[in-house]
Amino acid sequence: MTVVNATMAAGTAAVSVRGVSMIYPGPVQALQDIDLDFPAGQLTSLLGPSGCGKTTLLKIIAGLLEPAAGTVTVSGKTVKGPGPERAFVFQDFALLPWATVMRNVAFGLELRGVPTSEREAVAEKYIGDVGLRGFEQKYPHELSGGMRQRVGLARALAVKADVLLMDEPFSAVDEQTRRKFQEDLLQLVSVEKRTFIFVTHSIEEAVYLSARIVLLSPRPGKVWKIIEPKMPRELSPDQIRREPGYLDTVESIWQNLKDYVE
């Protein structure tokens, strides 16, 4: 495990957060003076105690919330709202119930005016990539929870966004499905070479998936530590989960967080 700085040299970050604070009515300060860079082509997890502002920060990066102070830039451009260079994978699937898997996955491209044949070809590729080939004409109610989440991931991948923002996407599925998702996601990160920002409450999940883990402090959320897990990724998933570097990183993070568990 390596602890590193929160910011990096100019030009190496896909997403940069500078001086971001967020105050909700009450007032409740959710975030305070966040300075943070997210490296291009890697998966970075946001981890911390409940209420530390993980999802708030993700939504600010997405342009769904406006911060009380500070700025976010994506590929050097200031975020002023949602944009095509970012895609959001929601915790609750957020699928169109009346649309097939094919239509759901292609929906973002449809909104952009991409011709039917082109968007369906792109959708078909990502439906296959997430393991749903053969389910193109099924409706959400005909799918398991895990399959619906795969549709949500395929939809985010299909719009070819540079940055994928994932808000606890695996929390609603069983443990076996969650582990399979994790393995599939690592493969997608390797192949797609996009920037993934991943919110999770699971220490084990963050350590297994992440090139970098941003540990946020209790509210108001601040950057507490940046951790880079060091495991030999050429090992099998089961071997990684038994590897001393993995276990030591999980335990170290737990020692930081355990006093803040309610």
C-alpha atoms as a PDB file:
ATOM      1  CA  MET A   1       0.000   0.000   0.000  1.00  0.00           C
ATOM      2  CA  THR A   2       1.269   3.465  -0.924  1.00  0.00           C
ATOM      3  CA  VAL A   3      -0.075   6.790   0.382  1.00  0.00           C
ATOM      4  CA  VAL A   4       0.294   9.554  -2.222  1.00  0.00           C
ATOM      5  CA  ASN A   5      -0.584  13.201  -2.811  1.00  0.00           C
ATOM      6  CA  ALA A   6      -4.109  14.206  -3.807  1.00  0.00           C
ATOM      7  CA  THR A   7      -2.998  16.279  -6.794  1.00  0.00           C
ATOM      8  CA  MET A   8      -0.667  15.549  -9.679  1.00  0.00           C
ATOM      9  CA  ALA A   9       1.210  17.282 -12.438  1.00  0.00           C
ATOM     10  CA  ALA A  10      -0.845  19.323 -14.891  1.00  0.00           C
ATOM     11  CA  GLY A  11      -1.989  17.356 -17.932  1.00  0.00           C
ATOM     12  CA  THR A  12      -2.029  13.921 -16.251  1.00  0.00           C
ATOM     13  CA  ALA A  13      -5.540  14.154 -14.745  1.00  0.00           C
ATOM     14  CA  ALA A  14      -8.803  13.498 -16.583  1.00  0.00           C
ATOM     15  CA  VAL A  15     -10.801  15.183 -13.805  1.00  0.00           C
ATOM     16  CA  SER A  16      -9.534  17.923 -11.486  1.00  0.00           C
ATOM     17  CA  VAL A  17     -11.386  19.217  -8.428  1.00  0.00           C
ATOM     18  CA  ARG A  18     -10.183  22.487  -6.899  1.00  0.00           C
ATOM     19  CA  GLY A  19     -11.436  24.069  -3.692  1.00  0.00           C
ATOM     20  CA  VAL A  20     -14.821  22.350  -3.826  1.00  0.00           C
ATOM     21  CA  SER A  21     -17.141  22.798  -0.862  1.00  0.00           C
ATOM     22  CA  MET A  22     -20.827  21.927  -0.548  1.00  0.00           C
ATOM     23  CA  ILE A  23     -23.382  23.197   1.962  1.00  0.00           C
ATOM     24  CA  TYR A  24     -26.924  21.850   2.133  1.00  0.00           C
ATOM     25  CA  PRO A  25     -29.858  23.699   3.747  1.00  0.00           C
ATOM     26  CA  GLY A  26     -29.763  23.484   7.511  1.00  0.00           C
ATOM     27  CA  PRO A  27     -26.993  24.407   7.064  1.00  0.00           C
ATOM     28  CA  VAL A  28     -25.044  21.157   6.722  1.00  0.00           C
ATOM     29  CA  GLN A  29     -21.532  21.276   5.281  1.00  0.00           C
ATOM     30  CA  ALA A  30     -21.070  18.106   3.270  1.00  0.00           C
ATOM     31  CA  LEU A  31     -17.696  18.866   1.681  1.00  0.00           C
ATOM     32  CA  GLN A  32     -14.927  21.300   2.548  1.00  0.00           C
ATOM     33  CA  ASP A  33     -12.051  22.494   0.350  1.00  0.00           C
ATOM     34  CA  ILE A  34     -11.624  19.388  -1.793  1.00  0.00           C
ATOM     35  CA  ASP A  35      -8.512  19.432  -3.992  1.00  0.00           C
ATOM     36  CA  LEU A  36      -8.253  16.223  -5.949  1.00  0.00           C
ATOM     37  CA  ASP A  37      -7.139  14.796  -9.280  1.00  0.00           C
ATOM     38  CA  PHE A  38      -8.403  11.644 -10.980  1.00  0.00           C
ATOM     39  CA  PRO A  39      -5.841  10.014 -13.312  1.00  0.00           C
ATOM     40  CA  ALA A  40      -6.911   9.255 -16.866  1.00  0.00           C
ATOM     41  CA  GLY A  41      -7.532   5.607 -17.709  1.00  0.00           C
ATOM     42  CA  GLN A  42      -7.738   4.375 -14.122  1.00  0.00           C
ATOM     43  CA  LEU A  43     -10.433   3.417 -11.627  1.00  0.00           C
ATOM     44  CA  THR A  44     -10.444   5.602  -8.517  1.00  0.00           C
ATOM     45  CA  SER A  45     -12.744   4.794  -5.598  1.00  0.00           C
ATOM     46  CA  LEU A  46     -14.260   7.285  -3.161  1.00  0.00           C
ATOM     47  CA  LEU A  47     -14.430   5.696   0.284  1.00  0.00           C
ATOM     48  CA  GLY A  48     -15.237   7.012   3.744  1.00  0.00           C
ATOM     49  CA  PRO A  49     -17.707   7.032   6.634  1.00  0.00           C
ATOM     50  CA  SER A  50     -21.431   7.388   5.947  1.00  0.00           C
ATOM     51  CA  GLY A  51     -22.320  11.011   5.338  1.00  0.00           C
ATOM     52  CA  CYS A  52     -18.812  12.077   4.332  1.00  0.00           C
ATOM     53  CA  GLY A  53     -19.960  13.401   0.946  1.00  0.00           C
ATOM     54  CA  LYS A  54     -18.897  10.657  -1.484  1.00  0.00           C
ATOM     55  CA  THR A  55     -22.062  10.757  -3.578  1.00  0.00           C
ATOM     56  CA  THR A  56     -22.244  14.546  -3.294  1.00  0.00           C
ATOM     57  CA  LEU A  57     -18.762  14.828  -4.794  1.00  0.00           C
ATOM     58  CA  LEU A  58     -19.670  12.363  -7.555  1.00  0.00           C
ATOM     59  CA  LYS A  59     -22.779  14.386  -8.446  1.00  0.00           C
ATOM     60  CA  ILE A  60     -20.779  17.619  -8.494  1.00  0.00           C
ATOM     61  CA  ILE A  61     -18.346  16.028 -10.946  1.00  0.00           C
ATOM     62  CA  ALA A  62     -21.325  14.848 -12.995  1.00  0.00           C
ATOM     63  CA  GLY A  63     -22.717  18.373 -13.084  1.00  0.00           C
ATOM     64  CA  LEU A  64     -25.898  17.298 -11.291  1.00  0.00           C
ATOM     65  CA  LEU A  65     -25.112  19.525  -8.284  1.00  0.00           C
ATOM     66  CA  GLU A  66     -23.512  22.960  -8.206  1.00  0.00           C
ATOM     67  CA  PRO A  67     -20.894  23.339  -5.459  1.00  0.00           C
ATOM     68  CA  ALA A  68     -21.059  26.166  -2.947  1.00  0.00           C
ATOM     69  CA  ALA A  69     -17.450  26.963  -3.846  1.00  0.00           C
ATOM     70  CA  GLY A  70     -14.720  25.672  -6.124  1.00  0.00           C
ATOM     71  CA  THR A  71     -14.499  24.274  -9.635  1.00  0.00           C
ATOM     72  CA  VAL A  72     -14.349  20.953 -11.461  1.00  0.00           C
ATOM     73  CA  THR A  73     -12.656  20.511 -14.811  1.00  0.00           C
ATOM     74  CA  VAL A  74     -12.889  17.507 -17.127  1.00  0.00           C
ATOM     75  CA  SER A  75     -10.168  17.285 -19.765  1.00  0.00           C
ATOM     76  CA  GLY A  76      -9.385  20.929 -19.044  1.00  0.00           C
ATOM     77  CA  LYS A  77     -12.969  22.215 -19.483  1.00  0.00           C
ATOM     78  CA  THR A  78     -14.897  23.643 -16.539  1.00  0.00           C
ATOM     79  CA  VAL A  79     -18.000  21.662 -15.543  1.00  0.00           C
ATOM     80  CA  LYS A  80     -21.146  23.808 -15.667  1.00  0.00           C
ATOM     81  CA  GLY A  81     -23.678  20.982 -15.856  1.00  0.00           C
ATOM     82  CA  PRO A  82     -24.045  17.473 -17.312  1.00  0.00           C
ATOM     83  CA  GLY A  83     -22.026  16.820 -20.464  1.00  0.00           C
ATOM     84  CA  PRO A  84     -21.421  14.099 -23.059  1.00  0.00           C
ATOM     85  CA  GLU A  85     -17.897  13.438 -21.784  1.00  0.00           C
ATOM     86  CA  ARG A  86     -19.361  12.029 -18.539  1.00  0.00           C
ATOM     87  CA  ALA A  87     -21.795   9.155 -17.963  1.00  0.00           C
ATOM     88  CA  PHE A  88     -23.469   8.171 -14.677  1.00  0.00           C
ATOM     89  CA  VAL A  89     -24.257   4.637 -13.520  1.00  0.00           C
ATOM     90  CA  PHE A  90     -26.935   4.851 -10.842  1.00  0.00           C
ATOM     91  CA  GLN A  91     -27.341   2.627  -7.787  1.00  0.00           C
ATOM     92  CA  ASP A  92     -31.016   1.961  -8.581  1.00  0.00           C
ATOM     93  CA  PHE A  93     -30.516   1.007 -12.272  1.00  0.00           C
ATOM     94  CA  ALA A  94     -32.642   3.963 -13.602  1.00  0.00           C
ATOM     95  CA  LEU A  95     -33.809   1.971 -16.636  1.00  0.00           C
ATOM     96  CA  LEU A  96     -36.766   2.790 -18.863  1.00  0.00           C
ATOM     97  CA  PRO A  97     -39.335   0.129 -17.830  1.00  0.00           C
ATOM     98  CA  TRP A  98     -41.176   0.249 -21.144  1.00  0.00           C
ATOM     99  CA  ALA A  99     -38.039  -0.213 -23.271  1.00  0.00           C
ATOM    100  CA  THR A 100     -36.115  -3.339 -24.238  1.00  0.00           C
ATOM    101  CA  VAL A 101     -32.512  -3.935 -23.236  1.00  0.00           C
ATOM    102  CA  MET A 102     -31.442  -2.804 -26.723  1.00  0.00           C
ATOM    103  CA  ARG A 103     -33.464   0.415 -26.491  1.00  0.00           C
ATOM    104  CA  ASN A 104     -32.242   1.140 -22.953  1.00  0.00           C
ATOM    105  CA  VAL A 105     -28.588   0.688 -23.896  1.00  0.00           C
ATOM    106  CA  ALA A 106     -28.974   2.747 -27.080  1.00  0.00           C
ATOM    107  CA  PHE A 107     -31.067   5.473 -25.417  1.00  0.00           C
ATOM    108  CA  GLY A 108     -28.225   7.934 -24.808  1.00  0.00           C
ATOM    109  CA  LEU A 109     -27.170   7.638 -28.440  1.00  0.00           C
ATOM    110  CA  GLU A 110     -30.786   8.075 -29.527  1.00  0.00           C
ATOM    111  CA  LEU A 111     -30.943  11.367 -27.614  1.00  0.00           C
ATOM    112  CA  ARG A 112     -27.843  12.505 -29.492  1.00  0.00           C
ATOM    113  CA  GLY A 113     -29.472  11.791 -32.836  1.00  0.00           C
ATOM    114  CA  VAL A 114     -27.305   8.814 -33.783  1.00  0.00           C
ATOM    115  CA  PRO A 115     -28.983   6.846 -36.631  1.00  0.00           C
ATOM    116  CA  THR A 116     -30.798   3.663 -35.603  1.00  0.00           C
ATOM    117  CA  SER A 117     -28.486   1.169 -37.298  1.00  0.00           C
ATOM    118  CA  GLU A 118     -25.359   2.821 -35.870  1.00  0.00           C
ATOM    119  CA  ARG A 119     -26.622   3.112 -32.314  1.00  0.00           C
ATOM    120  CA  GLU A 120     -27.926  -0.452 -32.289  1.00  0.00           C
ATOM    121  CA  ALA A 121     -24.550  -1.730 -33.501  1.00  0.00           C
ATOM    122  CA  VAL A 122     -22.822   0.112 -30.655  1.00  0.00           C
ATOM    123  CA  ALA A 123     -25.447  -1.084 -28.150  1.00  0.00           C
ATOM    124  CA  GLU A 124     -25.075  -4.677 -29.330  1.00  0.00           C
ATOM    125  CA  LYS A 125     -21.309  -4.545 -28.729  1.00  0.00           C
ATOM    126  CA  TYR A 126     -21.669  -3.364 -25.133  1.00  0.00           C
ATOM    127  CA  ILE A 127     -24.581  -5.693 -24.399  1.00  0.00           C
ATOM    128  CA  GLY A 128     -22.176  -8.481 -25.322  1.00  0.00           C
ATOM    129  CA  ASP A 129     -19.323  -6.956 -23.335  1.00  0.00           C
ATOM    130  CA  VAL A 130     -21.374  -6.976 -20.124  1.00  0.00           C
ATOM    131  CA  GLY A 131     -22.544 -10.552 -20.650  1.00  0.00           C
ATOM    132  CA  LEU A 132     -26.118  -9.995 -21.830  1.00  0.00           C
ATOM    133  CA  ARG A 133     -25.952 -11.263 -25.398  1.00  0.00           C
ATOM    134  CA  GLY A 134     -29.264 -12.949 -26.187  1.00  0.00           C
ATOM    135  CA  PHE A 135     -31.262 -10.618 -23.920  1.00  0.00           C
ATOM    136  CA  GLU A 136     -31.495  -7.680 -26.337  1.00  0.00           C
ATOM    137  CA  GLN A 137     -35.304  -7.854 -26.637  1.00  0.00           C
ATOM    138  CA  LYS A 138     -36.068  -8.481 -22.973  1.00  0.00           C
ATOM    139  CA  TYR A 139     -37.655  -5.822 -20.747  1.00  0.00           C
ATOM    140  CA  PRO A 140     -36.315  -4.742 -17.337  1.00  0.00           C
ATOM    141  CA  HIS A 141     -39.033  -6.614 -15.425  1.00  0.00           C
ATOM    142  CA  GLU A 142     -37.866  -9.832 -17.092  1.00  0.00           C
ATOM    143  CA  LEU A 143     -34.312  -9.445 -15.752  1.00  0.00           C
ATOM    144  CA  SER A 144     -32.693 -10.086 -12.395  1.00  0.00           C
ATOM    145  CA  GLY A 145     -31.280  -7.184 -10.393  1.00  0.00           C
ATOM    146  CA  GLY A 146     -27.778  -8.056 -11.492  1.00  0.00           C
ATOM    147  CA  MET A 147     -28.792  -8.156 -15.130  1.00  0.00           C
ATOM    148  CA  ARG A 148     -30.538  -4.782 -14.846  1.00  0.00           C
ATOM    149  CA  GLN A 149     -27.363  -3.274 -13.426  1.00  0.00           C
ATOM    150  CA  ARG A 150     -25.424  -4.708 -16.360  1.00  0.00           C
ATOM    151  CA  VAL A 151     -27.838  -2.896 -18.672  1.00  0.00           C
ATOM    152  CA  GLY A 152     -27.103   0.343 -16.829  1.00  0.00           C
ATOM    153  CA  LEU A 153     -23.367  -0.195 -17.222  1.00  0.00           C
ATOM    154  CA  ALA A 154     -23.715  -1.036 -20.925  1.00  0.00           C
ATOM    155  CA  ARG A 155     -25.759   2.142 -21.449  1.00  0.00           C
ATOM    156  CA  ALA A 156     -23.023   4.240 -19.823  1.00  0.00           C
ATOM    157  CA  LEU A 157     -20.318   2.575 -21.917  1.00  0.00           C
ATOM    158  CA  ALA A 158     -22.298   2.960 -25.147  1.00  0.00           C
ATOM    159  CA  VAL A 159     -22.250   6.762 -25.142  1.00  0.00           C
ATOM    160  CA  LYS A 160     -18.425   6.638 -25.311  1.00  0.00           C
ATOM    161  CA  ALA A 161     -18.005   9.068 -22.424  1.00  0.00           C
ATOM    162  CA  ASP A 162     -14.425   9.639 -21.303  1.00  0.00           C
ATOM    163  CA  VAL A 163     -15.408   9.524 -17.621  1.00  0.00           C
ATOM    164  CA  LEU A 164     -17.757   6.984 -16.039  1.00  0.00           C
ATOM    165  CA  LEU A 165     -19.207   7.907 -12.652  1.00  0.00           C
ATOM    166  CA  MET A 166     -20.510   4.944 -10.659  1.00  0.00           C
ATOM    167  CA  ASP A 167     -22.548   5.418  -7.476  1.00  0.00           C
ATOM    168  CA  GLU A 168     -22.445   2.142  -5.498  1.00  0.00           C
ATOM    169  CA  PRO A 169     -23.517   0.258  -8.606  1.00  0.00           C
ATOM    170  CA  PHE A 170     -23.186  -3.213  -7.046  1.00  0.00           C
ATOM    171  CA  SER A 171     -24.816  -2.587  -3.669  1.00  0.00           C
ATOM    172  CA  ALA A 172     -28.223  -3.977  -4.660  1.00  0.00           C
ATOM    173  CA  VAL A 173     -27.016  -7.396  -5.812  1.00  0.00           C
ATOM    174  CA  ASP A 174     -26.068 -10.531  -3.905  1.00  0.00           C
ATOM    175  CA  GLU A 175     -22.468 -11.255  -2.935  1.00  0.00           C
ATOM    176  CA  GLN A 176     -21.826 -13.828  -5.662  1.00  0.00           C
ATOM    177  CA  THR A 177     -23.114 -11.479  -8.363  1.00  0.00           C
ATOM    178  CA  ARG A 178     -21.152  -8.612  -6.840  1.00  0.00           C
ATOM    179  CA  ARG A 179     -17.871 -10.515  -7.077  1.00  0.00           C
ATOM    180  CA  LYS A 180     -18.555 -11.413 -10.704  1.00  0.00           C
ATOM    181  CA  PHE A 181     -19.345  -7.750 -11.422  1.00  0.00           C
ATOM    182  CA  GLN A 182     -16.059  -6.709  -9.842  1.00  0.00           C
ATOM    183  CA  GLU A 183     -14.075  -9.102 -12.006  1.00  0.00           C
ATOM    184  CA  ASP A 184     -15.932  -8.004 -15.142  1.00  0.00           C
ATOM    185  CA  LEU A 185     -15.426  -4.337 -14.282  1.00  0.00           C
ATOM    186  CA  LEU A 186     -11.653  -4.771 -13.936  1.00  0.00           C
ATOM    187  CA  GLN A 187     -11.622  -6.330 -17.396  1.00  0.00           C
ATOM    188  CA  LEU A 188     -13.633  -3.416 -18.806  1.00  0.00           C
ATOM    189  CA  VAL A 189     -11.300  -0.865 -17.205  1.00  0.00           C
ATOM    190  CA  SER A 190      -8.344  -2.640 -18.795  1.00  0.00           C
ATOM    191  CA  VAL A 191      -9.933  -2.801 -22.247  1.00  0.00           C
ATOM    192  CA  GLU A 192     -11.793   0.514 -22.373  1.00  0.00           C
ATOM    193  CA  LYS A 193      -8.981   2.739 -21.003  1.00  0.00           C
ATOM    194  CA  ARG A 194     -11.522   5.249 -19.703  1.00  0.00           C
ATOM    195  CA  THR A 195     -11.551   7.057 -16.368  1.00  0.00           C
ATOM    196  CA  PHE A 196     -13.797   5.425 -13.766  1.00  0.00           C
ATOM    197  CA  ILE A 197     -14.801   7.166 -10.513  1.00  0.00           C
ATOM    198  CA  PHE A 198     -16.459   4.659  -8.207  1.00  0.00           C
ATOM    199  CA  VAL A 199     -18.323   5.295  -4.944  1.00  0.00           C
ATOM    200  CA  THR A 200     -18.506   2.366  -2.522  1.00  0.00           C
ATOM    201  CA  HIS A 201     -19.007   1.658   1.183  1.00  0.00           C
ATOM    202  CA  SER A 202     -17.053  -1.594   0.905  1.00  0.00           C
ATOM    203  CA  ILE A 203     -13.376  -1.465   1.879  1.00  0.00           C
ATOM    204  CA  GLU A 204     -12.748  -4.851   0.249  1.00  0.00           C
ATOM    205  CA  GLU A 205     -14.389  -3.744  -2.994  1.00  0.00           C
ATOM    206  CA  ALA A 206     -12.398  -0.500  -3.108  1.00  0.00           C
ATOM    207  CA  VAL A 207      -9.089  -2.280  -2.534  1.00  0.00           C
ATOM    208  CA  TYR A 208      -9.841  -5.019  -5.065  1.00  0.00           C
ATOM    209  CA  LEU A 209     -10.963  -2.669  -7.859  1.00  0.00           C
ATOM    210  CA  SER A 210      -8.942   0.491  -7.478  1.00  0.00           C
ATOM    211  CA  ALA A 211      -5.704   1.861  -8.776  1.00  0.00           C
ATOM    212  CA  ARG A 212      -6.284   4.684  -6.257  1.00  0.00           C
ATOM    213  CA  ILE A 213      -8.571   5.048  -3.248  1.00  0.00           C
ATOM    214  CA  VAL A 214      -9.589   8.500  -2.024  1.00  0.00           C
ATOM    215  CA  LEU A 215     -10.345   8.213   1.678  1.00  0.00           C
ATOM    216  CA  LEU A 216     -12.634  11.053   2.782  1.00  0.00           C
ATOM    217  CA  SER A 217     -12.840  12.248   6.373  1.00  0.00           C
ATOM    218  CA  PRO A 218     -16.058  12.320   8.430  1.00  0.00           C
ATOM    219  CA  ARG A 219     -18.373  15.244   7.570  1.00  0.00           C
ATOM    220  CA  PRO A 220     -17.486  17.754   6.389  1.00  0.00           C
ATOM    221  CA  GLY A 221     -15.715  15.556   3.893  1.00  0.00           C
ATOM    222  CA  LYS A 222     -12.098  16.425   3.203  1.00  0.00           C
ATOM    223  CA  VAL A 223      -9.385  14.473   1.442  1.00  0.00           C
ATOM    224  CA  TRP A 224      -7.957  12.375   4.260  1.00  0.00           C
ATOM    225  CA  LYS A 225      -5.596  10.033   2.407  1.00  0.00           C
ATOM    226  CA  ILE A 226      -4.928   8.818  -1.114  1.00  0.00           C
ATOM    227  CA  ILE A 227      -4.024   5.130  -1.125  1.00  0.00           C
ATOM    228  CA  GLU A 228      -2.624   3.075  -3.985  1.00  0.00           C
ATOM    229  CA  PRO A 229      -3.136  -0.645  -3.328  1.00  0.00           C
ATOM    230  CA  LYS A 230      -0.171  -2.743  -4.394  1.00  0.00           C
ATOM    231  CA  MET A 231      -1.183  -6.236  -5.468  1.00  0.00           C
ATOM    232  CA  PRO A 232       0.086  -8.439  -8.304  1.00  0.00           C
ATOM    233  CA  ARG A 233      -2.838  -8.114 -10.701  1.00  0.00           C
ATOM    234  CA  GLU A 234      -1.717 -11.105 -12.745  1.00  0.00           C
ATOM    235  CA  LEU A 235      -3.019 -13.380  -9.966  1.00  0.00           C
ATOM    236  CA  SER A 236      -6.488 -14.890 -10.078  1.00  0.00           C
ATOM    237  CA  PRO A 237      -9.292 -13.012  -8.229  1.00  0.00           C
ATOM    238  CA  ASP A 238      -9.268 -15.577  -5.389  1.00  0.00           C
ATOM    239  CA  GLN A 239      -5.493 -15.344  -5.069  1.00  0.00           C
ATOM    240  CA  ILE A 240      -5.610 -11.538  -4.941  1.00  0.00           C
ATOM    241  CA  ARG A 241      -8.127 -11.663  -2.095  1.00  0.00           C
ATOM    242  CA  ARG A 242      -5.706 -13.851  -0.113  1.00  0.00           C
ATOM    243  CA  GLU A 243      -2.596 -11.865  -1.034  1.00  0.00           C
ATOM    244  CA  PRO A 244      -0.841 -10.092   1.897  1.00  0.00           C
ATOM    245  CA  GLY A 245      -0.813  -6.699   0.133  1.00  0.00           C
ATOM    246  CA  TYR A 246      -4.583  -6.861  -0.312  1.00  0.00           C
ATOM    247  CA  LEU A 247      -5.248  -7.987   3.257  1.00  0.00           C
ATOM    248  CA  ASP A 248      -2.880  -5.430   4.764  1.00  0.00           C
ATOM    249  CA  THR A 249      -4.469  -2.566   2.799  1.00  0.00           C
ATOM    250  CA  VAL A 250      -7.991  -3.622   3.839  1.00  0.00           C
ATOM    251  CA  GLU A 251      -6.916  -3.780   7.482  1.00  0.00           C
ATOM    252  CA  SER A 252      -5.114  -0.430   7.352  1.00  0.00           C
ATOM    253  CA  ILE A 253      -8.173   1.327   5.927  1.00  0.00           C
ATOM    254  CA  TRP A 254     -10.411  -0.358   8.506  1.00  0.00           C
ATOM    255  CA  GLN A 255      -8.194   0.916  11.321  1.00  0.00           C
ATOM    256  CA  ASN A 256      -8.676   4.439   9.950  1.00  0.00           C
ATOM    257  CA  LEU A 257     -12.451   4.120   9.668  1.00  0.00           C
ATOM    258  CA  LYS A 258     -13.602   1.901  12.542  1.00  0.00           C
ATOM    259  CA  ASP A 259     -13.958   4.711  15.074  1.00  0.00           C
ATOM    260  CA  TYR A 260     -16.482   6.414  12.769  1.00  0.00           C
ATOM    261  CA  VAL A 261     -18.822   3.472  12.250  1.00  0.00           C
ATOM    262  CA  GLU A 262     -22.191   4.199  13.833  1.00  0.00           C
END
